[in-house]
Amino acid sequence: MTKKLIYLVVFACAFTFVACDKENGNEGDISVSKNTISAKWEISDNNSPYASFEFNQDGSYIVVENVEMNMRSSSVISKASLFNSNSLRAAKTRSSESESNLSPIHFGTYRIEGNKIILSGFGLIEVISITAEEFTFSFTLEATGQTNSFVANKSAEPISSSSRTEMLCRTWVIERLTDGNNNDINDDGADIIGSIVLFSRAGTYLVLYGGEGGEAGLSEWKWANSQETKLYYSWENWTDDWSDNIVTITDLKSTSLVIEEYDWYWHLSLKK
């Protein structure tokens, strides 16, 4: 075989390898997984229609629209309850007066396909680039087909990692409300049975009243003691004093959660 023929064979093989590699999508692939996107990503652009995109390890997303928020309102009740519907009614009142500290919220499940993140019932994200601190992506709104590009930064995660944190930071469903003798309570709070509750490591605390498609309230939480048996929650944008709103976790397992507040016990199960 002549040298010229050998060169031609080598060139043809190299060309074929590169072409196949491109067809298989190996060039320029972006690694996207639940681990890489699991965080709250905040958009600093004041003109953005969205304030933040949050992804959790259990496959749920929270998207908060960007609206001007008034953090203090005279209609805010001074002593809220972790799940009490009075909190929702107060939030609705503030919202109707355009004084709410709760922005419009979108919640659902997501799945990953290559560099795409499909937000069920909401839209499609195409990842342009992602690092430990910055997330660049385009988002297409399902309802209108409109596409915009965003640059978001990871928010600080105030909740330290631990086995109890990982068990708590999931999506739950409220199953029962009982007294100290394990008797069902069917008056105050009974309307909240079936509601969806999510805690995240970003300090997000979400209640979806009535389950899927219900009214949503979004706020904050953090551990109240080093044993991680008590937690603070807030229905306002608190800065340093969370002591008024505190509850005790009396039971925490991988699929069940019991929270004590006053003389009530909220029984939650892991959302399937």
C-alpha atoms as a PDB file:
ATOM      1  CA  MET A   1       0.000   0.000   0.000  1.00  0.00           C
ATOM      2  CA  THR A   2       1.448   3.379  -1.003  1.00  0.00           C
ATOM      3  CA  LYS A   3       1.967   6.205   1.488  1.00  0.00           C
ATOM      4  CA  LYS A   4      -0.663   8.282  -0.334  1.00  0.00           C
ATOM      5  CA  LEU A   5      -3.264   5.547   0.034  1.00  0.00           C
ATOM      6  CA  ILE A   6      -2.417   5.103   3.739  1.00  0.00           C
ATOM      7  CA  TYR A   7      -2.911   8.852   4.350  1.00  0.00           C
ATOM      8  CA  LEU A   8      -6.291   8.716   2.618  1.00  0.00           C
ATOM      9  CA  VAL A   9      -7.418   5.759   4.762  1.00  0.00           C
ATOM     10  CA  VAL A  10      -6.302   7.454   7.995  1.00  0.00           C
ATOM     11  CA  PHE A  11      -8.026  10.715   7.021  1.00  0.00           C
ATOM     12  CA  ALA A  12     -11.268   8.902   6.165  1.00  0.00           C
ATOM     13  CA  CYS A  13     -11.295   7.056   9.488  1.00  0.00           C
ATOM     14  CA  ALA A  14     -10.654  10.253  11.444  1.00  0.00           C
ATOM     15  CA  PHE A  15     -13.415  12.085   9.573  1.00  0.00           C
ATOM     16  CA  THR A  16     -15.856   9.243  10.211  1.00  0.00           C
ATOM     17  CA  PHE A  17     -15.034   9.219  13.960  1.00  0.00           C
ATOM     18  CA  VAL A  18     -15.560  12.974  14.319  1.00  0.00           C
ATOM     19  CA  ALA A  19     -18.810  12.877  12.349  1.00  0.00           C
ATOM     20  CA  CYS A  20     -20.180  10.028  14.450  1.00  0.00           C
ATOM     21  CA  ASP A  21     -19.106  11.798  17.620  1.00  0.00           C
ATOM     22  CA  LYS A  22     -21.072  14.910  16.599  1.00  0.00           C
ATOM     23  CA  GLU A  23     -24.115  12.865  15.636  1.00  0.00           C
ATOM     24  CA  ASN A  24     -24.077  11.224  19.061  1.00  0.00           C
ATOM     25  CA  GLY A  25     -24.121  14.651  20.672  1.00  0.00           C
ATOM     26  CA  ASN A  26     -20.862  14.199  22.578  1.00  0.00           C
ATOM     27  CA  GLU A  27     -19.435  17.538  21.558  1.00  0.00           C
ATOM     28  CA  GLY A  28     -20.437  20.383  23.841  1.00  0.00           C
ATOM     29  CA  ASP A  29     -22.731  18.308  26.062  1.00  0.00           C
ATOM     30  CA  ILE A  30     -23.764  19.976  29.326  1.00  0.00           C
ATOM     31  CA  SER A  31     -23.936  17.791  32.395  1.00  0.00           C
ATOM     32  CA  VAL A  32     -27.318  18.334  34.062  1.00  0.00           C
ATOM     33  CA  SER A  33     -28.551  16.284  36.994  1.00  0.00           C
ATOM     34  CA  LYS A  34     -30.616  16.746  40.136  1.00  0.00           C
ATOM     35  CA  ASN A  35     -27.372  17.233  42.037  1.00  0.00           C
ATOM     36  CA  THR A  36     -26.196  20.084  39.821  1.00  0.00           C
ATOM     37  CA  ILE A  37     -29.477  22.016  39.731  1.00  0.00           C
ATOM     38  CA  SER A  38     -30.801  21.263  43.236  1.00  0.00           C
ATOM     39  CA  ALA A  39     -30.804  24.767  44.757  1.00  0.00           C
ATOM     40  CA  LYS A  40     -32.641  28.057  44.747  1.00  0.00           C
ATOM     41  CA  TRP A  41     -31.471  30.186  41.820  1.00  0.00           C
ATOM     42  CA  GLU A  42     -32.200  33.906  42.128  1.00  0.00           C
ATOM     43  CA  ILE A  43     -32.434  36.326  39.208  1.00  0.00           C
ATOM     44  CA  SER A  44     -31.109  39.791  40.036  1.00  0.00           C
ATOM     45  CA  ASP A  45     -32.491  41.538  36.937  1.00  0.00           C
ATOM     46  CA  ASN A  46     -35.364  43.700  38.170  1.00  0.00           C
ATOM     47  CA  ASN A  47     -36.971  43.538  34.718  1.00  0.00           C
ATOM     48  CA  SER A  48     -37.140  39.749  34.767  1.00  0.00           C
ATOM     49  CA  PRO A  49     -40.665  38.282  34.935  1.00  0.00           C
ATOM     50  CA  TYR A  50     -39.340  35.764  37.481  1.00  0.00           C
ATOM     51  CA  ALA A  51     -37.563  36.249  40.797  1.00  0.00           C
ATOM     52  CA  SER A  52     -36.289  32.714  41.359  1.00  0.00           C
ATOM     53  CA  PHE A  53     -36.275  29.117  40.146  1.00  0.00           C
ATOM     54  CA  GLU A  54     -35.834  26.410  42.777  1.00  0.00           C
ATOM     55  CA  PHE A  55     -35.254  22.693  42.219  1.00  0.00           C
ATOM     56  CA  ASN A  56     -35.347  20.038  44.920  1.00  0.00           C
ATOM     57  CA  GLN A  57     -33.861  16.553  45.034  1.00  0.00           C
ATOM     58  CA  ASP A  58     -37.283  14.930  45.222  1.00  0.00           C
ATOM     59  CA  GLY A  59     -38.094  16.210  41.726  1.00  0.00           C
ATOM     60  CA  SER A  60     -40.192  19.251  42.614  1.00  0.00           C
ATOM     61  CA  TYR A  61     -39.789  22.833  41.424  1.00  0.00           C
ATOM     62  CA  ILE A  62     -40.867  26.223  42.774  1.00  0.00           C
ATOM     63  CA  VAL A  63     -40.893  29.280  40.504  1.00  0.00           C
ATOM     64  CA  VAL A  64     -41.655  32.684  42.003  1.00  0.00           C
ATOM     65  CA  GLU A  65     -42.771  35.544  39.791  1.00  0.00           C
ATOM     66  CA  ASN A  66     -41.119  38.930  40.159  1.00  0.00           C
ATOM     67  CA  VAL A  67     -43.539  41.418  41.696  1.00  0.00           C
ATOM     68  CA  GLU A  68     -42.960  44.391  43.958  1.00  0.00           C
ATOM     69  CA  MET A  69     -43.372  43.227  47.546  1.00  0.00           C
ATOM     70  CA  ASN A  70     -44.324  45.131  50.661  1.00  0.00           C
ATOM     71  CA  MET A  71     -42.853  43.155  53.550  1.00  0.00           C
ATOM     72  CA  ARG A  72     -44.963  44.730  56.267  1.00  0.00           C
ATOM     73  CA  SER A  73     -48.720  45.097  56.313  1.00  0.00           C
ATOM     74  CA  SER A  74     -51.170  46.052  59.035  1.00  0.00           C
ATOM     75  CA  SER A  75     -53.313  43.052  58.111  1.00  0.00           C
ATOM     76  CA  VAL A  76     -50.570  40.564  59.009  1.00  0.00           C
ATOM     77  CA  ILE A  77     -51.616  38.541  62.035  1.00  0.00           C
ATOM     78  CA  SER A  78     -49.093  38.761  64.860  1.00  0.00           C
ATOM     79  CA  LYS A  79     -49.213  35.069  65.774  1.00  0.00           C
ATOM     80  CA  ALA A  80     -49.643  32.724  62.840  1.00  0.00           C
ATOM     81  CA  SER A  81     -49.843  28.944  62.789  1.00  0.00           C
ATOM     82  CA  LEU A  82     -47.635  26.613  60.810  1.00  0.00           C
ATOM     83  CA  PHE A  83     -50.551  25.335  58.724  1.00  0.00           C
ATOM     84  CA  ASN A  84     -53.476  27.401  59.990  1.00  0.00           C
ATOM     85  CA  SER A  85     -55.753  28.586  57.203  1.00  0.00           C
ATOM     86  CA  ASN A  86     -55.860  32.011  58.889  1.00  0.00           C
ATOM     87  CA  SER A  87     -52.369  32.481  57.456  1.00  0.00           C
ATOM     88  CA  LEU A  88     -53.736  31.887  53.976  1.00  0.00           C
ATOM     89  CA  ARG A  89     -56.716  34.160  54.522  1.00  0.00           C
ATOM     90  CA  ALA A  90     -54.405  36.923  55.712  1.00  0.00           C
ATOM     91  CA  ALA A  91     -52.198  36.379  52.671  1.00  0.00           C
ATOM     92  CA  LYS A  92     -55.227  36.561  50.361  1.00  0.00           C
ATOM     93  CA  THR A  93     -56.311  39.808  52.011  1.00  0.00           C
ATOM     94  CA  ARG A  94     -52.890  41.345  51.561  1.00  0.00           C
ATOM     95  CA  SER A  95     -52.750  40.125  47.982  1.00  0.00           C
ATOM     96  CA  SER A  96     -56.105  41.721  47.152  1.00  0.00           C
ATOM     97  CA  GLU A  97     -54.780  44.989  48.575  1.00  0.00           C
ATOM     98  CA  SER A  98     -51.574  44.671  46.530  1.00  0.00           C
ATOM     99  CA  GLU A  99     -49.643  44.605  49.798  1.00  0.00           C
ATOM    100  CA  SER A 100     -48.720  40.937  49.878  1.00  0.00           C
ATOM    101  CA  ASN A 101     -45.267  39.664  50.693  1.00  0.00           C
ATOM    102  CA  LEU A 102     -46.185  36.474  48.836  1.00  0.00           C
ATOM    103  CA  SER A 103     -45.418  36.561  45.113  1.00  0.00           C
ATOM    104  CA  PRO A 104     -47.315  34.467  42.559  1.00  0.00           C
ATOM    105  CA  ILE A 105     -45.938  30.931  42.895  1.00  0.00           C
ATOM    106  CA  HIS A 106     -45.717  28.002  40.481  1.00  0.00           C
ATOM    107  CA  PHE A 107     -45.177  24.519  41.902  1.00  0.00           C
ATOM    108  CA  GLY A 108     -44.936  21.091  40.319  1.00  0.00           C
ATOM    109  CA  THR A 109     -42.613  18.271  39.335  1.00  0.00           C
ATOM    110  CA  TYR A 110     -39.746  18.332  36.863  1.00  0.00           C
ATOM    111  CA  ARG A 111     -37.766  15.829  34.829  1.00  0.00           C
ATOM    112  CA  ILE A 112     -34.420  16.091  33.060  1.00  0.00           C
ATOM    113  CA  GLU A 113     -33.770  15.081  29.470  1.00  0.00           C
ATOM    114  CA  GLY A 114     -30.220  15.856  28.344  1.00  0.00           C
ATOM    115  CA  ASN A 115     -29.726  19.594  28.827  1.00  0.00           C
ATOM    116  CA  LYS A 116     -33.484  20.200  29.087  1.00  0.00           C
ATOM    117  CA  ILE A 117     -35.516  20.522  32.279  1.00  0.00           C
ATOM    118  CA  ILE A 118     -39.241  19.989  31.737  1.00  0.00           C
ATOM    119  CA  LEU A 119     -41.377  21.750  34.355  1.00  0.00           C
ATOM    120  CA  SER A 120     -44.714  19.940  34.333  1.00  0.00           C
ATOM    121  CA  GLY A 121     -47.616  22.197  33.441  1.00  0.00           C
ATOM    122  CA  PHE A 122     -45.411  25.270  33.242  1.00  0.00           C
ATOM    123  CA  GLY A 123     -42.584  25.329  30.726  1.00  0.00           C
ATOM    124  CA  LEU A 124     -39.240  24.162  29.361  1.00  0.00           C
ATOM    125  CA  ILE A 125     -35.737  25.135  30.461  1.00  0.00           C
ATOM    126  CA  GLU A 126     -32.754  24.654  28.153  1.00  0.00           C
ATOM    127  CA  VAL A 127     -29.488  24.844  30.053  1.00  0.00           C
ATOM    128  CA  ILE A 128     -26.841  27.019  28.394  1.00  0.00           C
ATOM    129  CA  SER A 129     -24.234  26.765  31.154  1.00  0.00           C
ATOM    130  CA  ILE A 130     -24.130  25.899  34.824  1.00  0.00           C
ATOM    131  CA  THR A 131     -21.472  26.160  37.524  1.00  0.00           C
ATOM    132  CA  ALA A 132     -21.560  25.808  41.293  1.00  0.00           C
ATOM    133  CA  GLU A 133     -22.749  29.409  41.607  1.00  0.00           C
ATOM    134  CA  GLU A 134     -24.207  30.563  38.258  1.00  0.00           C
ATOM    135  CA  PHE A 135     -26.948  29.171  36.038  1.00  0.00           C
ATOM    136  CA  THR A 136     -27.564  30.471  32.493  1.00  0.00           C
ATOM    137  CA  PHE A 137     -30.609  29.148  30.671  1.00  0.00           C
ATOM    138  CA  SER A 138     -33.513  29.881  28.373  1.00  0.00           C
ATOM    139  CA  PHE A 139     -37.087  29.332  29.488  1.00  0.00           C
ATOM    140  CA  THR A 140     -40.102  28.776  27.252  1.00  0.00           C
ATOM    141  CA  LEU A 141     -43.475  29.348  28.874  1.00  0.00           C
ATOM    142  CA  GLU A 142     -45.827  26.510  27.976  1.00  0.00           C
ATOM    143  CA  ALA A 143     -48.964  28.673  27.904  1.00  0.00           C
ATOM    144  CA  THR A 144     -47.686  31.209  25.365  1.00  0.00           C
ATOM    145  CA  GLY A 145     -44.572  29.734  23.769  1.00  0.00           C
ATOM    146  CA  GLN A 146     -42.628  32.868  24.709  1.00  0.00           C
ATOM    147  CA  THR A 147     -38.890  32.279  25.301  1.00  0.00           C
ATOM    148  CA  ASN A 148     -36.560  34.379  27.456  1.00  0.00           C
ATOM    149  CA  SER A 149     -32.977  33.933  28.597  1.00  0.00           C
ATOM    150  CA  PHE A 150     -31.849  34.335  32.195  1.00  0.00           C
ATOM    151  CA  VAL A 151     -28.729  34.392  34.332  1.00  0.00           C
ATOM    152  CA  ALA A 152     -29.330  33.280  37.920  1.00  0.00           C
ATOM    153  CA  ASN A 153     -27.105  32.937  40.966  1.00  0.00           C
ATOM    154  CA  LYS A 154     -27.375  30.292  43.649  1.00  0.00           C
ATOM    155  CA  SER A 155     -28.782  31.645  46.897  1.00  0.00           C
ATOM    156  CA  ALA A 156     -27.051  30.883  50.149  1.00  0.00           C
ATOM    157  CA  GLU A 157     -28.303  27.682  51.767  1.00  0.00           C
ATOM    158  CA  PRO A 158     -28.977  28.567  55.393  1.00  0.00           C
ATOM    159  CA  ILE A 159     -29.884  24.998  56.346  1.00  0.00           C
ATOM    160  CA  SER A 160     -26.822  22.870  57.047  1.00  0.00           C
ATOM    161  CA  SER A 161     -26.722  19.329  55.725  1.00  0.00           C
ATOM    162  CA  SER A 162     -27.571  16.523  58.162  1.00  0.00           C
ATOM    163  CA  SER A 163     -29.564  13.303  58.160  1.00  0.00           C
ATOM    164  CA  ARG A 164     -32.588  15.063  59.705  1.00  0.00           C
ATOM    165  CA  THR A 165     -32.343  17.957  57.268  1.00  0.00           C
ATOM    166  CA  GLU A 166     -32.312  15.549  54.341  1.00  0.00           C
ATOM    167  CA  MET A 167     -35.349  13.700  55.714  1.00  0.00           C
ATOM    168  CA  LEU A 168     -37.299  16.907  56.336  1.00  0.00           C
ATOM    169  CA  CYS A 169     -36.440  18.609  53.047  1.00  0.00           C
ATOM    170  CA  ARG A 170     -38.994  16.806  50.920  1.00  0.00           C
ATOM    171  CA  THR A 171     -42.570  17.221  49.719  1.00  0.00           C
ATOM    172  CA  TRP A 172     -45.228  16.100  52.209  1.00  0.00           C
ATOM    173  CA  VAL A 173     -49.008  15.732  52.388  1.00  0.00           C
ATOM    174  CA  ILE A 174     -51.000  16.568  55.543  1.00  0.00           C
ATOM    175  CA  GLU A 175     -52.977  13.445  56.475  1.00  0.00           C
ATOM    176  CA  ARG A 176     -54.391  14.085  59.964  1.00  0.00           C
ATOM    177  CA  LEU A 177     -54.697  16.631  62.747  1.00  0.00           C
ATOM    178  CA  THR A 178     -54.969  15.145  66.250  1.00  0.00           C
ATOM    179  CA  ASP A 179     -54.879  16.114  69.909  1.00  0.00           C
ATOM    180  CA  GLY A 180     -52.493  14.750  72.528  1.00  0.00           C
ATOM    181  CA  ASN A 181     -54.594  11.585  72.867  1.00  0.00           C
ATOM    182  CA  ASN A 182     -54.397  10.887  69.124  1.00  0.00           C
ATOM    183  CA  ASN A 183     -58.037  11.843  68.582  1.00  0.00           C
ATOM    184  CA  ASP A 184     -58.823  13.496  65.262  1.00  0.00           C
ATOM    185  CA  ILE A 185     -59.610  17.204  65.388  1.00  0.00           C
ATOM    186  CA  ASN A 186     -62.332  18.052  62.895  1.00  0.00           C
ATOM    187  CA  ASP A 187     -62.954  21.740  63.513  1.00  0.00           C
ATOM    188  CA  ASP A 188     -60.116  24.280  63.270  1.00  0.00           C
ATOM    189  CA  GLY A 189     -57.582  23.150  60.724  1.00  0.00           C
ATOM    190  CA  ALA A 190     -59.626  20.308  59.258  1.00  0.00           C
ATOM    191  CA  ASP A 191     -59.858  22.198  55.953  1.00  0.00           C
ATOM    192  CA  ILE A 192     -56.082  21.905  55.591  1.00  0.00           C
ATOM    193  CA  ILE A 193     -56.076  18.087  55.409  1.00  0.00           C
ATOM    194  CA  GLY A 194     -54.736  17.060  51.999  1.00  0.00           C
ATOM    195  CA  SER A 195     -52.583  20.169  51.629  1.00  0.00           C
ATOM    196  CA  ILE A 196     -49.055  19.837  50.261  1.00  0.00           C
ATOM    197  CA  VAL A 197     -46.073  21.045  52.289  1.00  0.00           C
ATOM    198  CA  LEU A 198     -42.467  21.418  51.143  1.00  0.00           C
ATOM    199  CA  PHE A 199     -39.334  22.240  53.131  1.00  0.00           C
ATOM    200  CA  SER A 200     -36.053  22.868  51.294  1.00  0.00           C
ATOM    201  CA  ARG A 201     -32.396  23.386  52.212  1.00  0.00           C
ATOM    202  CA  ALA A 202     -32.604  26.873  50.742  1.00  0.00           C
ATOM    203  CA  GLY A 203     -34.863  27.744  53.685  1.00  0.00           C
ATOM    204  CA  THR A 204     -37.995  27.684  51.565  1.00  0.00           C
ATOM    205  CA  TYR A 205     -41.254  26.708  53.222  1.00  0.00           C
ATOM    206  CA  LEU A 206     -44.241  26.201  50.910  1.00  0.00           C
ATOM    207  CA  VAL A 207     -47.834  25.251  51.675  1.00  0.00           C
ATOM    208  CA  LEU A 208     -50.157  24.362  48.804  1.00  0.00           C
ATOM    209  CA  TYR A 209     -53.595  24.560  50.414  1.00  0.00           C
ATOM    210  CA  GLY A 210     -56.009  21.885  49.213  1.00  0.00           C
ATOM    211  CA  GLY A 211     -53.320  19.997  47.277  1.00  0.00           C
ATOM    212  CA  GLU A 212     -52.413  20.290  43.592  1.00  0.00           C
ATOM    213  CA  GLY A 213     -53.782  23.484  42.068  1.00  0.00           C
ATOM    214  CA  GLY A 214     -54.601  25.045  45.442  1.00  0.00           C
ATOM    215  CA  GLU A 215     -53.636  28.451  46.791  1.00  0.00           C
ATOM    216  CA  ALA A 216     -49.930  28.635  47.633  1.00  0.00           C
ATOM    217  CA  GLY A 217     -48.156  30.354  50.489  1.00  0.00           C
ATOM    218  CA  LEU A 218     -44.370  30.695  50.456  1.00  0.00           C
ATOM    219  CA  SER A 219     -42.183  31.607  53.384  1.00  0.00           C
ATOM    220  CA  GLU A 220     -39.051  30.654  55.339  1.00  0.00           C
ATOM    221  CA  TRP A 221     -37.882  28.135  57.948  1.00  0.00           C
ATOM    222  CA  LYS A 222     -34.747  27.167  59.872  1.00  0.00           C
ATOM    223  CA  TRP A 223     -33.750  24.863  62.718  1.00  0.00           C
ATOM    224  CA  ALA A 224     -34.384  26.262  66.193  1.00  0.00           C
ATOM    225  CA  ASN A 225     -32.006  24.006  68.138  1.00  0.00           C
ATOM    226  CA  SER A 226     -28.850  21.975  67.571  1.00  0.00           C
ATOM    227  CA  GLN A 227     -30.710  18.700  68.061  1.00  0.00           C
ATOM    228  CA  GLU A 228     -32.911  19.629  65.058  1.00  0.00           C
ATOM    229  CA  THR A 229     -36.090  18.722  66.916  1.00  0.00           C
ATOM    230  CA  LYS A 230     -37.576  22.223  66.747  1.00  0.00           C
ATOM    231  CA  LEU A 231     -37.921  24.632  63.832  1.00  0.00           C
ATOM    232  CA  TYR A 232     -38.738  28.281  63.344  1.00  0.00           C
ATOM    233  CA  TYR A 233     -41.127  29.343  60.604  1.00  0.00           C
ATOM    234  CA  SER A 234     -42.071  32.757  59.292  1.00  0.00           C
ATOM    235  CA  TRP A 235     -44.984  34.157  57.330  1.00  0.00           C
ATOM    236  CA  GLU A 236     -43.172  37.477  57.061  1.00  0.00           C
ATOM    237  CA  ASN A 237     -39.750  38.582  55.886  1.00  0.00           C
ATOM    238  CA  TRP A 238     -38.170  38.307  59.314  1.00  0.00           C
ATOM    239  CA  THR A 239     -34.647  39.528  59.868  1.00  0.00           C
ATOM    240  CA  ASP A 240     -33.513  38.346  63.280  1.00  0.00           C
ATOM    241  CA  ASP A 241     -36.418  37.486  65.614  1.00  0.00           C
ATOM    242  CA  TRP A 242     -38.132  34.206  64.848  1.00  0.00           C
ATOM    243  CA  SER A 243     -38.943  33.297  68.471  1.00  0.00           C
ATOM    244  CA  ASP A 244     -42.719  33.809  68.216  1.00  0.00           C
ATOM    245  CA  ASN A 245     -43.221  31.040  65.657  1.00  0.00           C
ATOM    246  CA  ILE A 246     -41.675  27.735  66.724  1.00  0.00           C
ATOM    247  CA  VAL A 247     -42.875  24.124  66.496  1.00  0.00           C
ATOM    248  CA  THR A 248     -41.579  20.737  67.675  1.00  0.00           C
ATOM    249  CA  ILE A 249     -40.961  17.730  65.452  1.00  0.00           C
ATOM    250  CA  THR A 250     -42.044  14.756  67.537  1.00  0.00           C
ATOM    251  CA  ASP A 251     -41.453  12.135  64.842  1.00  0.00           C
ATOM    252  CA  LEU A 252     -39.380  12.252  61.653  1.00  0.00           C
ATOM    253  CA  LYS A 253     -38.840   9.257  59.408  1.00  0.00           C
ATOM    254  CA  SER A 254     -38.144   8.838  55.716  1.00  0.00           C
ATOM    255  CA  THR A 255     -41.853   8.611  54.878  1.00  0.00           C
ATOM    256  CA  SER A 256     -43.654  10.183  57.861  1.00  0.00           C
ATOM    257  CA  LEU A 257     -43.534  13.410  59.854  1.00  0.00           C
ATOM    258  CA  VAL A 258     -45.371  14.579  62.991  1.00  0.00           C
ATOM    259  CA  ILE A 259     -45.217  18.227  64.073  1.00  0.00           C
ATOM    260  CA  GLU A 260     -46.515  19.529  67.398  1.00  0.00           C
ATOM    261  CA  GLU A 261     -47.842  23.080  67.675  1.00  0.00           C
ATOM    262  CA  TYR A 262     -49.765  24.248  70.752  1.00  0.00           C
ATOM    263  CA  ASP A 263     -51.771  21.115  71.645  1.00  0.00           C
ATOM    264  CA  TRP A 264     -52.133  19.971  68.041  1.00  0.00           C
ATOM    265  CA  TYR A 265     -50.239  17.260  66.207  1.00  0.00           C
ATOM    266  CA  TRP A 266     -49.969  17.462  62.431  1.00  0.00           C
ATOM    267  CA  HIS A 267     -49.398  14.063  60.764  1.00  0.00           C
ATOM    268  CA  LEU A 268     -47.794  14.186  57.325  1.00  0.00           C
ATOM    269  CA  SER A 269     -46.775  11.497  54.855  1.00  0.00           C
ATOM    270  CA  LEU A 270     -44.267  11.654  52.030  1.00  0.00           C
ATOM    271  CA  LYS A 271     -45.897  12.784  48.780  1.00  0.00           C
ATOM    272  CA  LYS A 272     -45.819   9.989  46.190  1.00  0.00           C
END
